[in-house]
Amino acid sequence: MAAASPKHDVFQAIADPTRRSLLQLLIDQEMPVTVISRHYPMSRTAVSKHLRILAEAGLVKERKVGRETRYKLQLEPLQELKQWLSYYERFWDNKMTALANFVENDDESDQ
């Protein structure tokens, strides 16, 4: 049986700068929404909505501790991004190498 797909696409989830910032904030430690929301000039409800989107994309994991919900970064979904970006990294590396070769050859022909 295939695993259920995330409700939100990883690419859509990280399209928002606030959500990217939330991922950076959670990189070192799990935090409750009350602590997370202190880092942003928006309501706790707004921060919770962003966290929910990240959770639905599988980028953060929610854990109930008593009455509070704690959030922790999940690195696995970022592998999809890394693979996608590595293709374009190779593309740009090839383009830059070709440009450098062109410039070097042009400089040599001018001499």
PDB file of N, CA and C in Angstrom:
ATOM      1  N   MET A   1       0.846  -1.182   0.000  1.00  0.00           N
ATOM      2  CA  MET A   1       0.000   0.000   0.000  1.00  0.00           C
ATOM      3  C   MET A   1       0.888   1.240   0.000  1.00  0.00           C
ATOM      4  N   ALA A   2       0.577   2.201  -0.839  1.00  0.00           N
ATOM      5  CA  ALA A   2       1.370   3.432  -0.942  1.00  0.00           C
ATOM      6  C   ALA A   2       1.111   4.332   0.257  1.00  0.00           C
ATOM      7  N   ALA A   3       2.148   5.046   0.663  1.00  0.00           N
ATOM      8  CA  ALA A   3       2.009   5.994   1.775  1.00  0.00           C
ATOM      9  C   ALA A   3       1.139   7.161   1.339  1.00  0.00           C
ATOM     10  N   ALA A   4       0.406   7.711   2.278  1.00  0.00           N
ATOM     11  CA  ALA A   4      -0.433   8.871   1.973  1.00  0.00           C
ATOM     12  C   ALA A   4       0.448  10.043   1.601  1.00  0.00           C
ATOM     13  N   SER A   5       0.045  10.766   0.583  1.00  0.00           N
ATOM     14  CA  SER A   5       0.839  11.923   0.170  1.00  0.00           C
ATOM     15  C   SER A   5       0.524  13.105   1.078  1.00  0.00           C
ATOM     16  N   PRO A   6       1.508  13.968   1.283  1.00  0.00           N
ATOM     17  CA  PRO A   6       1.276  15.134   2.135  1.00  0.00           C
ATOM     18  C   PRO A   6       0.173  16.020   1.562  1.00  0.00           C
ATOM     19  N   LYS A   7      -0.520  16.705   2.447  1.00  0.00           N
ATOM     20  CA  LYS A   7      -1.604  17.589   2.032  1.00  0.00           C
ATOM     21  C   LYS A   7      -1.062  18.798   1.274  1.00  0.00           C
ATOM     22  N   HIS A   8       0.121  19.267   1.636  1.00  0.00           N
ATOM     23  CA  HIS A   8       0.765  20.397   0.960  1.00  0.00           C
ATOM     24  C   HIS A   8       2.089  19.945   0.361  1.00  0.00           C
ATOM     25  N   ASP A   9       2.381  20.451  -0.809  1.00  0.00           N
ATOM     26  CA  ASP A   9       3.638  20.189  -1.484  1.00  0.00           C
ATOM     27  C   ASP A   9       4.765  20.921  -0.759  1.00  0.00           C
ATOM     28  N   VAL A  10       5.925  20.280  -0.664  1.00  0.00           N
ATOM     29  CA  VAL A  10       7.079  20.879   0.008  1.00  0.00           C
ATOM     30  C   VAL A  10       7.439  22.217  -0.639  1.00  0.00           C
ATOM     31  N   PHE A  11       7.393  22.267  -1.959  1.00  0.00           N
ATOM     32  CA  PHE A  11       7.749  23.493  -2.670  1.00  0.00           C
ATOM     33  C   PHE A  11       6.775  24.628  -2.345  1.00  0.00           C
ATOM     34  N   GLN A  12       5.489  24.297  -2.262  1.00  0.00           N
ATOM     35  CA  GLN A  12       4.497  25.313  -1.893  1.00  0.00           C
ATOM     36  C   GLN A  12       4.711  25.775  -0.455  1.00  0.00           C
ATOM     37  N   ALA A  13       5.028  24.836   0.406  1.00  0.00           N
ATOM     38  CA  ALA A  13       5.203  25.167   1.823  1.00  0.00           C
ATOM     39  C   ALA A  13       6.364  26.122   2.047  1.00  0.00           C
ATOM     40  N   ILE A  14       7.455  25.947   1.316  1.00  0.00           N
ATOM     41  CA  ILE A  14       8.616  26.818   1.534  1.00  0.00           C
ATOM     42  C   ILE A  14       8.593  28.069   0.665  1.00  0.00           C
ATOM     43  N   ALA A  15       7.541  28.233  -0.126  1.00  0.00           N
ATOM     44  CA  ALA A  15       7.445  29.420  -0.982  1.00  0.00           C
ATOM     45  C   ALA A  15       7.298  30.697  -0.157  1.00  0.00           C
ATOM     46  N   ASP A  16       6.785  30.580   1.033  1.00  0.00           N
ATOM     47  CA  ASP A  16       6.552  31.743   1.889  1.00  0.00           C
ATOM     48  C   ASP A  16       7.785  32.020   2.751  1.00  0.00           C
ATOM     49  N   PRO A  17       8.265  33.276   2.785  1.00  0.00           N
ATOM     50  CA  PRO A  17       9.465  33.593   3.573  1.00  0.00           C
ATOM     51  C   PRO A  17       9.293  33.352   5.078  1.00  0.00           C
ATOM     52  N   THR A  18       8.094  33.533   5.593  1.00  0.00           N
ATOM     53  CA  THR A  18       7.868  33.273   7.019  1.00  0.00           C
ATOM     54  C   THR A  18       8.060  31.791   7.316  1.00  0.00           C
ATOM     55  N   ARG A  19       7.553  30.934   6.453  1.00  0.00           N
ATOM     56  CA  ARG A  19       7.696  29.497   6.682  1.00  0.00           C
ATOM     57  C   ARG A  19       9.154  29.055   6.549  1.00  0.00           C
ATOM     58  N   ARG A  20       9.891  29.653   5.621  1.00  0.00           N
ATOM     59  CA  ARG A  20      11.328  29.338   5.528  1.00  0.00           C
ATOM     60  C   ARG A  20      12.040  29.763   6.808  1.00  0.00           C
ATOM     61  N   SER A  21      11.653  30.907   7.337  1.00  0.00           N
ATOM     62  CA  SER A  21      12.237  31.395   8.584  1.00  0.00           C
ATOM     63  C   SER A  21      11.892  30.464   9.751  1.00  0.00           C
ATOM     64  N   LEU A  22      10.680  29.951   9.767  1.00  0.00           N
ATOM     65  CA  LEU A  22      10.281  29.005  10.811  1.00  0.00           C
ATOM     66  C   LEU A  22      11.143  27.744  10.767  1.00  0.00           C
ATOM     67  N   LEU A  23      11.433  27.269   9.572  1.00  0.00           N
ATOM     68  CA  LEU A  23      12.296  26.089   9.444  1.00  0.00           C
ATOM     69  C   LEU A  23      13.680  26.369  10.016  1.00  0.00           C
ATOM     70  N   GLN A  24      14.202  27.558   9.739  1.00  0.00           N
ATOM     71  CA  GLN A  24      15.516  27.925  10.283  1.00  0.00           C
ATOM     72  C   GLN A  24      15.478  27.995  11.803  1.00  0.00           C
ATOM     73  N   LEU A  25      14.405  28.532  12.334  1.00  0.00           N
ATOM     74  CA  LEU A  25      14.271  28.653  13.786  1.00  0.00           C
ATOM     75  C   LEU A  25      14.245  27.276  14.459  1.00  0.00           C
ATOM     76  N   LEU A  26      13.622  26.315  13.794  1.00  0.00           N
ATOM     77  CA  LEU A  26      13.454  24.986  14.384  1.00  0.00           C
ATOM     78  C   LEU A  26      14.614  24.034  14.088  1.00  0.00           C
ATOM     79  N   ILE A  27      15.630  24.513  13.413  1.00  0.00           N
ATOM     80  CA  ILE A  27      16.712  23.614  12.997  1.00  0.00           C
ATOM     81  C   ILE A  27      17.456  22.995  14.175  1.00  0.00           C
ATOM     82  N   ASP A  28      17.577  23.698  15.274  1.00  0.00           N
ATOM     83  CA  ASP A  28      18.372  23.204  16.403  1.00  0.00           C
ATOM     84  C   ASP A  28      17.566  22.567  17.526  1.00  0.00           C
ATOM     85  N   GLN A  29      16.286  22.956  17.635  1.00  0.00           N
ATOM     86  CA  GLN A  29      15.529  22.428  18.768  1.00  0.00           C
ATOM     87  C   GLN A  29      14.032  22.466  18.529  1.00  0.00           C
ATOM     88  N   GLU A  30      13.354  21.589  19.234  1.00  0.00           N
ATOM     89  CA  GLU A  30      11.902  21.543  19.245  1.00  0.00           C
ATOM     90  C   GLU A  30      11.402  22.719  20.082  1.00  0.00           C
ATOM     91  N   MET A  31      10.302  23.350  19.650  1.00  0.00           N
ATOM     92  CA  MET A  31       9.777  24.505  20.390  1.00  0.00           C
ATOM     93  C   MET A  31       8.254  24.506  20.393  1.00  0.00           C
ATOM     94  N   PRO A  32       7.671  25.040  21.472  1.00  0.00           N
ATOM     95  CA  PRO A  32       6.219  25.238  21.485  1.00  0.00           C
ATOM     96  C   PRO A  32       5.858  26.502  20.708  1.00  0.00           C
ATOM     97  N   VAL A  33       4.632  26.549  20.227  1.00  0.00           N
ATOM     98  CA  VAL A  33       4.192  27.689  19.423  1.00  0.00           C
ATOM     99  C   VAL A  33       4.281  29.002  20.196  1.00  0.00           C
ATOM    100  N   THR A  34       4.115  28.961  21.513  1.00  0.00           N
ATOM    101  CA  THR A  34       4.207  30.200  22.300  1.00  0.00           C
ATOM    102  C   THR A  34       5.597  30.813  22.200  1.00  0.00           C
ATOM    103  N   VAL A  35       6.626  29.975  22.211  1.00  0.00           N
ATOM    104  CA  VAL A  35       8.006  30.465  22.086  1.00  0.00           C
ATOM    105  C   VAL A  35       8.283  30.888  20.647  1.00  0.00           C
ATOM    106  N   ILE A  36       7.829  30.085  19.704  1.00  0.00           N
ATOM    107  CA  ILE A  36       8.047  30.401  18.286  1.00  0.00           C
ATOM    108  C   ILE A  36       7.430  31.748  17.933  1.00  0.00           C
ATOM    109  N   SER A  37       6.217  31.984  18.404  1.00  0.00           N
ATOM    110  CA  SER A  37       5.495  33.206  18.024  1.00  0.00           C
ATOM    111  C   SER A  37       6.160  34.477  18.542  1.00  0.00           C
ATOM    112  N   ARG A  38       6.995  34.367  19.559  1.00  0.00           N
ATOM    113  CA  ARG A  38       7.715  35.550  20.067  1.00  0.00           C
ATOM    114  C   ARG A  38       8.721  36.086  19.053  1.00  0.00           C
ATOM    115  N   HIS A  39       9.105  35.266  18.105  1.00  0.00           N
ATOM    116  CA  HIS A  39      10.098  35.652  17.101  1.00  0.00           C
ATOM    117  C   HIS A  39       9.486  36.358  15.891  1.00  0.00           C
ATOM    118  N   TYR A  40       8.164  36.504  15.861  1.00  0.00           N
ATOM    119  CA  TYR A  40       7.489  37.040  14.669  1.00  0.00           C
ATOM    120  C   TYR A  40       6.512  38.149  15.027  1.00  0.00           C
ATOM    121  N   PRO A  41       6.425  39.156  14.156  1.00  0.00           N
ATOM    122  CA  PRO A  41       5.509  40.279  14.402  1.00  0.00           C
ATOM    123  C   PRO A  41       4.094  39.970  13.916  1.00  0.00           C
ATOM    124  N   MET A  42       3.569  38.834  14.362  1.00  0.00           N
ATOM    125  CA  MET A  42       2.213  38.437  13.979  1.00  0.00           C
ATOM    126  C   MET A  42       1.605  37.666  15.138  1.00  0.00           C
ATOM    127  N   SER A  43       0.325  37.428  15.048  1.00  0.00           N
ATOM    128  CA  SER A  43      -0.368  36.735  16.135  1.00  0.00           C
ATOM    129  C   SER A  43       0.069  35.271  16.222  1.00  0.00           C
ATOM    130  N   ARG A  44      -0.166  34.694  17.383  1.00  0.00           N
ATOM    131  CA  ARG A  44       0.138  33.274  17.564  1.00  0.00           C
ATOM    132  C   ARG A  44      -0.707  32.431  16.608  1.00  0.00           C
ATOM    133  N   THR A  45      -1.932  32.876  16.350  1.00  0.00           N
ATOM    134  CA  THR A  45      -2.804  32.169  15.412  1.00  0.00           C
ATOM    135  C   THR A  45      -2.205  32.148  14.014  1.00  0.00           C
ATOM    136  N   ALA A  46      -1.651  33.275  13.580  1.00  0.00           N
ATOM    137  CA  ALA A  46      -1.024  33.345  12.255  1.00  0.00           C
ATOM    138  C   ALA A  46       0.193  32.426  12.187  1.00  0.00           C
ATOM    139  N   VAL A  47       1.002  32.420  13.237  1.00  0.00           N
ATOM    140  CA  VAL A  47       2.172  31.532  13.288  1.00  0.00           C
ATOM    141  C   VAL A  47       1.703  30.078  13.248  1.00  0.00           C
ATOM    142  N   SER A  48       0.647  29.765  13.977  1.00  0.00           N
ATOM    143  CA  SER A  48       0.109  28.405  13.993  1.00  0.00           C
ATOM    144  C   SER A  48      -0.350  27.963  12.608  1.00  0.00           C
ATOM    145  N   LYS A  49      -0.933  28.877  11.851  1.00  0.00           N
ATOM    146  CA  LYS A  49      -1.363  28.541  10.483  1.00  0.00           C
ATOM    147  C   LYS A  49      -0.160  28.194   9.610  1.00  0.00           C
ATOM    148  N   HIS A  50       0.909  28.969   9.744  1.00  0.00           N
ATOM    149  CA  HIS A  50       2.129  28.667   8.984  1.00  0.00           C
ATOM    150  C   HIS A  50       2.696  27.309   9.405  1.00  0.00           C
ATOM    151  N   LEU A  51       2.719  27.047  10.699  1.00  0.00           N
ATOM    152  CA  LEU A  51       3.230  25.770  11.200  1.00  0.00           C
ATOM    153  C   LEU A  51       2.370  24.604  10.718  1.00  0.00           C
ATOM    154  N   ARG A  52       1.070  24.818  10.634  1.00  0.00           N
ATOM    155  CA  ARG A  52       0.164  23.769  10.160  1.00  0.00           C
ATOM    156  C   ARG A  52       0.482  23.401   8.706  1.00  0.00           C
ATOM    157  N   ILE A  53       0.742  24.416   7.882  1.00  0.00           N
ATOM    158  CA  ILE A  53       1.098  24.162   6.481  1.00  0.00           C
ATOM    159  C   ILE A  53       2.408  23.379   6.399  1.00  0.00           C
ATOM    160  N   LEU A  54       3.377  23.768   7.214  1.00  0.00           N
ATOM    161  CA  LEU A  54       4.653  23.039   7.243  1.00  0.00           C
ATOM    162  C   LEU A  54       4.448  21.597   7.709  1.00  0.00           C
ATOM    163  N   ALA A  55       3.580  21.408   8.687  1.00  0.00           N
ATOM    164  CA  ALA A  55       3.293  20.058   9.189  1.00  0.00           C
ATOM    165  C   ALA A  55       2.586  19.225   8.122  1.00  0.00           C
ATOM    166  N   GLU A  56       1.652  19.829   7.409  1.00  0.00           N
ATOM    167  CA  GLU A  56       0.926  19.113   6.360  1.00  0.00           C
ATOM    168  C   GLU A  56       1.841  18.726   5.203  1.00  0.00           C
ATOM    169  N   ALA A  57       2.930  19.462   5.021  1.00  0.00           N
ATOM    170  CA  ALA A  57       3.920  19.125   3.991  1.00  0.00           C
ATOM    171  C   ALA A  57       4.958  18.140   4.526  1.00  0.00           C
ATOM    172  N   GLY A  58       4.869  17.818   5.809  1.00  0.00           N
ATOM    173  CA  GLY A  58       5.805  16.884   6.416  1.00  0.00           C
ATOM    174  C   GLY A  58       7.118  17.513   6.840  1.00  0.00           C
ATOM    175  N   LEU A  59       7.200  18.839   6.792  1.00  0.00           N
ATOM    176  CA  LEU A  59       8.450  19.533   7.119  1.00  0.00           C
ATOM    177  C   LEU A  59       8.661  19.736   8.612  1.00  0.00           C
ATOM    178  N   VAL A  60       7.589  19.749   9.369  1.00  0.00           N
ATOM    179  CA  VAL A  60       7.701  19.794  10.828  1.00  0.00           C
ATOM    180  C   VAL A  60       6.785  18.721  11.406  1.00  0.00           C
ATOM    181  N   LYS A  61       7.155  18.270  12.577  1.00  0.00           N
ATOM    182  CA  LYS A  61       6.359  17.272  13.274  1.00  0.00           C
ATOM    183  C   LYS A  61       5.777  17.918  14.518  1.00  0.00           C
ATOM    184  N   GLU A  62       4.492  17.673  14.749  1.00  0.00           N
ATOM    185  CA  GLU A  62       3.816  18.197  15.934  1.00  0.00           C
ATOM    186  C   GLU A  62       3.831  17.131  17.022  1.00  0.00           C
ATOM    187  N   ARG A  63       4.019  17.594  18.262  1.00  0.00           N
ATOM    188  CA  ARG A  63       3.994  16.675  19.403  1.00  0.00           C
ATOM    189  C   ARG A  63       3.297  17.377  20.555  1.00  0.00           C
ATOM    190  N   LYS A  64       2.254  16.735  21.071  1.00  0.00           N
ATOM    191  CA  LYS A  64       1.519  17.292  22.204  1.00  0.00           C
ATOM    192  C   LYS A  64       2.252  16.967  23.499  1.00  0.00           C
ATOM    193  N   VAL A  65       2.465  18.014  24.296  1.00  0.00           N
ATOM    194  CA  VAL A  65       3.040  17.859  25.630  1.00  0.00           C
ATOM    195  C   VAL A  65       2.100  18.614  26.558  1.00  0.00           C
ATOM    196  N   GLY A  66       1.253  17.860  27.245  1.00  0.00           N
ATOM    197  CA  GLY A  66       0.236  18.515  28.068  1.00  0.00           C
ATOM    198  C   GLY A  66      -0.717  19.296  27.178  1.00  0.00           C
ATOM    199  N   ARG A  67      -0.857  20.576  27.475  1.00  0.00           N
ATOM    200  CA  ARG A  67      -1.761  21.423  26.689  1.00  0.00           C
ATOM    201  C   ARG A  67      -1.071  22.125  25.533  1.00  0.00           C
ATOM    202  N   GLU A  68       0.245  22.029  25.443  1.00  0.00           N
ATOM    203  CA  GLU A  68       0.935  22.739  24.370  1.00  0.00           C
ATOM    204  C   GLU A  68       1.355  21.792  23.250  1.00  0.00           C
ATOM    205  N   THR A  69       1.489  22.375  22.080  1.00  0.00           N
ATOM    206  CA  THR A  69       1.972  21.635  20.918  1.00  0.00           C
ATOM    207  C   THR A  69       3.381  22.100  20.618  1.00  0.00           C
ATOM    208  N   ARG A  70       4.282  21.142  20.527  1.00  0.00           N
ATOM    209  CA  ARG A  70       5.681  21.442  20.207  1.00  0.00           C
ATOM    210  C   ARG A  70       5.935  21.055  18.759  1.00  0.00           C
ATOM    211  N   TYR A  71       6.830  21.806  18.129  1.00  0.00           N
ATOM    212  CA  TYR A  71       7.152  21.579  16.721  1.00  0.00           C
ATOM    213  C   TYR A  71       8.633  21.282  16.563  1.00  0.00           C
ATOM    214  N   LYS A  72       8.914  20.328  15.676  1.00  0.00           N
ATOM    215  CA  LYS A  72      10.291  19.907  15.427  1.00  0.00           C
ATOM    216  C   LYS A  72      10.492  19.774  13.920  1.00  0.00           C
ATOM    217  N   LEU A  73      11.630  20.223  13.438  1.00  0.00           N
ATOM    218  CA  LEU A  73      11.968  20.135  12.020  1.00  0.00           C
ATOM    219  C   LEU A  73      12.141  18.680  11.603  1.00  0.00           C
ATOM    220  N   GLN A  74      11.609  18.336  10.447  1.00  0.00           N
ATOM    221  CA  GLN A  74      11.782  17.017   9.838  1.00  0.00           C
ATOM    222  C   GLN A  74      12.604  17.209   8.568  1.00  0.00           C
ATOM    223  N   LEU A  75      13.772  16.632   8.519  1.00  0.00           N
ATOM    224  CA  LEU A  75      14.683  16.852   7.394  1.00  0.00           C
ATOM    225  C   LEU A  75      14.372  16.006   6.164  1.00  0.00           C
ATOM    226  N   GLU A  76      13.694  14.893   6.322  1.00  0.00           N
ATOM    227  CA  GLU A  76      13.475  13.977   5.207  1.00  0.00           C
ATOM    228  C   GLU A  76      12.825  14.640   3.985  1.00  0.00           C
ATOM    229  N   PRO A  77      11.751  15.415   4.144  1.00  0.00           N
ATOM    230  CA  PRO A  77      11.135  16.025   2.959  1.00  0.00           C
ATOM    231  C   PRO A  77      12.055  17.008   2.235  1.00  0.00           C
ATOM    232  N   LEU A  78      13.050  17.525   2.940  1.00  0.00           N
ATOM    233  CA  LEU A  78      13.977  18.459   2.302  1.00  0.00           C
ATOM    234  C   LEU A  78      14.896  17.749   1.311  1.00  0.00           C
ATOM    235  N   GLN A  79      14.972  16.421   1.394  1.00  0.00           N
ATOM    236  CA  GLN A  79      15.779  15.666   0.433  1.00  0.00           C
ATOM    237  C   GLN A  79      15.223  15.827  -0.982  1.00  0.00           C
ATOM    238  N   GLU A  80      13.895  15.871  -1.101  1.00  0.00           N
ATOM    239  CA  GLU A  80      13.257  16.098  -2.406  1.00  0.00           C
ATOM    240  C   GLU A  80      13.730  17.425  -2.989  1.00  0.00           C
ATOM    241  N   LEU A  81      13.771  18.440  -2.155  1.00  0.00           N
ATOM    242  CA  LEU A  81      14.256  19.751  -2.595  1.00  0.00           C
ATOM    243  C   LEU A  81      15.720  19.692  -3.001  1.00  0.00           C
ATOM    244  N   LYS A  82      16.507  19.025  -2.192  1.00  0.00           N
ATOM    245  CA  LYS A  82      17.939  18.925  -2.469  1.00  0.00           C
ATOM    246  C   LYS A  82      18.180  18.250  -3.816  1.00  0.00           C
ATOM    247  N   GLN A  83      17.462  17.172  -4.086  1.00  0.00           N
ATOM    248  CA  GLN A  83      17.615  16.476  -5.361  1.00  0.00           C
ATOM    249  C   GLN A  83      17.220  17.374  -6.528  1.00  0.00           C
ATOM    250  N   TRP A  84      16.118  18.074  -6.379  1.00  0.00           N
ATOM    251  CA  TRP A  84      15.637  18.953  -7.443  1.00  0.00           C
ATOM    252  C   TRP A  84      16.638  20.074  -7.694  1.00  0.00           C
ATOM    253  N   LEU A  85      17.133  20.674  -6.627  1.00  0.00           N
ATOM    254  CA  LEU A  85      18.088  21.772  -6.760  1.00  0.00           C
ATOM    255  C   LEU A  85      19.433  21.310  -7.304  1.00  0.00           C
ATOM    256  N   SER A  86      19.828  20.084  -6.994  1.00  0.00           N
ATOM    257  CA  SER A  86      21.130  19.600  -7.470  1.00  0.00           C
ATOM    258  C   SER A  86      21.163  19.514  -8.991  1.00  0.00           C
ATOM    259  N   TYR A  87      20.025  19.207  -9.595  1.00  0.00           N
ATOM    260  CA  TYR A  87      19.957  19.199 -11.066  1.00  0.00           C
ATOM    261  C   TYR A  87      20.288  20.583 -11.608  1.00  0.00           C
ATOM    262  N   TYR A  88      19.693  21.617 -11.030  1.00  0.00           N
ATOM    263  CA  TYR A  88      19.918  22.984 -11.504  1.00  0.00           C
ATOM    264  C   TYR A  88      21.299  23.497 -11.124  1.00  0.00           C
ATOM    265  N   GLU A  89      21.836  22.989 -10.038  1.00  0.00           N
ATOM    266  CA  GLU A  89      23.200  23.354  -9.665  1.00  0.00           C
ATOM    267  C   GLU A  89      24.172  22.863 -10.740  1.00  0.00           C
ATOM    268  N   ARG A  90      23.968  21.624 -11.188  1.00  0.00           N
ATOM    269  CA  ARG A  90      24.813  21.089 -12.267  1.00  0.00           C
ATOM    270  C   ARG A  90      24.627  21.906 -13.542  1.00  0.00           C
ATOM    271  N   PHE A  91      23.389  22.283 -13.831  1.00  0.00           N
ATOM    272  CA  PHE A  91      23.092  23.088 -15.015  1.00  0.00           C
ATOM    273  C   PHE A  91      23.876  24.398 -14.975  1.00  0.00           C
ATOM    274  N   TRP A  92      23.800  25.108 -13.847  1.00  0.00           N
ATOM    275  CA  TRP A  92      24.492  26.392 -13.742  1.00  0.00           C
ATOM    276  C   TRP A  92      26.003  26.225 -13.690  1.00  0.00           C
ATOM    277  N   ASP A  93      26.478  25.163 -13.067  1.00  0.00           N
ATOM    278  CA  ASP A  93      27.920  24.896 -13.083  1.00  0.00           C
ATOM    279  C   ASP A  93      28.407  24.721 -14.516  1.00  0.00           C
ATOM    280  N   ASN A  94      27.658  23.967 -15.312  1.00  0.00           N
ATOM    281  CA  ASN A  94      28.027  23.765 -16.719  1.00  0.00           C
ATOM    282  C   ASN A  94      27.999  25.078 -17.491  1.00  0.00           C
ATOM    283  N   LYS A  95      26.990  25.903 -17.242  1.00  0.00           N
ATOM    284  CA  LYS A  95      26.885  27.194 -17.940  1.00  0.00           C
ATOM    285  C   LYS A  95      28.042  28.111 -17.554  1.00  0.00           C
ATOM    286  N   MET A  96      28.386  28.142 -16.281  1.00  0.00           N
ATOM    287  CA  MET A  96      29.484  29.006 -15.830  1.00  0.00           C
ATOM    288  C   MET A  96      30.832  28.522 -16.367  1.00  0.00           C
ATOM    289  N   THR A  97      31.002  27.215 -16.422  1.00  0.00           N
ATOM    290  CA  THR A  97      32.238  26.664 -16.994  1.00  0.00           C
ATOM    291  C   THR A  97      32.342  27.026 -18.469  1.00  0.00           C
ATOM    292  N   ALA A  98      31.237  26.896 -19.196  1.00  0.00           N
ATOM    293  CA  ALA A  98      31.231  27.254 -20.619  1.00  0.00           C
ATOM    294  C   ALA A  98      31.531  28.734 -20.803  1.00  0.00           C
ATOM    295  N   LEU A  99      30.969  29.580 -19.952  1.00  0.00           N
ATOM    296  CA  LEU A  99      31.226  31.017 -20.037  1.00  0.00           C
ATOM    297  C   LEU A  99      32.696  31.316 -19.749  1.00  0.00           C
ATOM    298  N   ALA A 100      33.255  30.684 -18.727  1.00  0.00           N
ATOM    299  CA  ALA A 100      34.669  30.893 -18.395  1.00  0.00           C
ATOM    300  C   ALA A 100      35.561  30.460 -19.554  1.00  0.00           C
ATOM    301  N   ASN A 101      35.239  29.326 -20.159  1.00  0.00           N
ATOM    302  CA  ASN A 101      36.015  28.859 -21.316  1.00  0.00           C
ATOM    303  C   ASN A 101      35.914  29.839 -22.477  1.00  0.00           C
ATOM    304  N   PHE A 102      34.728  30.360 -22.706  1.00  0.00           N
ATOM    305  CA  PHE A 102      34.517  31.319 -23.786  1.00  0.00           C
ATOM    306  C   PHE A 102      35.351  32.578 -23.551  1.00  0.00           C
ATOM    307  N   VAL A 103      35.309  33.096 -22.335  1.00  0.00           N
ATOM    308  CA  VAL A 103      36.053  34.316 -22.001  1.00  0.00           C
ATOM    309  C   VAL A 103      37.554  34.070 -22.134  1.00  0.00           C
ATOM    310  N   GLU A 104      38.028  32.938 -21.637  1.00  0.00           N
ATOM    311  CA  GLU A 104      39.458  32.615 -21.750  1.00  0.00           C
ATOM    312  C   GLU A 104      39.886  32.503 -23.209  1.00  0.00           C
ATOM    313  N   ASN A 105      39.086  31.832 -24.020  1.00  0.00           N
ATOM    314  CA  ASN A 105      39.412  31.681 -25.442  1.00  0.00           C
ATOM    315  C   ASN A 105      39.357  33.016 -26.167  1.00  0.00           C
ATOM    316  N   ASP A 106      38.415  33.868 -25.793  1.00  0.00           N
ATOM    317  CA  ASP A 106      38.291  35.194 -26.405  1.00  0.00           C
ATOM    318  C   ASP A 106      39.497  36.056 -26.042  1.00  0.00           C
ATOM    319  N   ASP A 107      39.947  35.959 -24.768  1.00  0.00           N
ATOM    320  CA  ASP A 107      41.135  36.705 -24.328  1.00  0.00           C
ATOM    321  C   ASP A 107      42.372  36.251 -25.089  1.00  0.00           C
ATOM    322  N   GLU A 108      42.497  34.953 -25.305  1.00  0.00           N
ATOM    323  CA  GLU A 108      43.655  34.418 -26.028  1.00  0.00           C
ATOM    324  C   GLU A 108      43.658  34.865 -27.486  1.00  0.00           C
ATOM    325  N   SER A 109      42.486  34.953 -28.103  1.00  0.00           N
ATOM    326  CA  SER A 109      42.425  35.363 -29.512  1.00  0.00           C
ATOM    327  C   SER A 109      42.689  36.854 -29.679  1.00  0.00           C
ATOM    328  N   ASP A 110      42.491  37.648 -28.622  1.00  0.00           N
ATOM    329  CA  ASP A 110      42.761  39.089 -28.680  1.00  0.00           C
ATOM    330  C   ASP A 110      44.248  39.386 -28.585  1.00  0.00           C
ATOM    331  N   GLN A 111      45.037  38.441 -28.123  1.00  0.00           N
ATOM    332  CA  GLN A 111      46.473  38.694 -27.922  1.00  0.00           C
ATOM    333  C   GLN A 111      47.269  38.464 -29.160  1.00  0.00           C
TER     334      GLN A 111
END
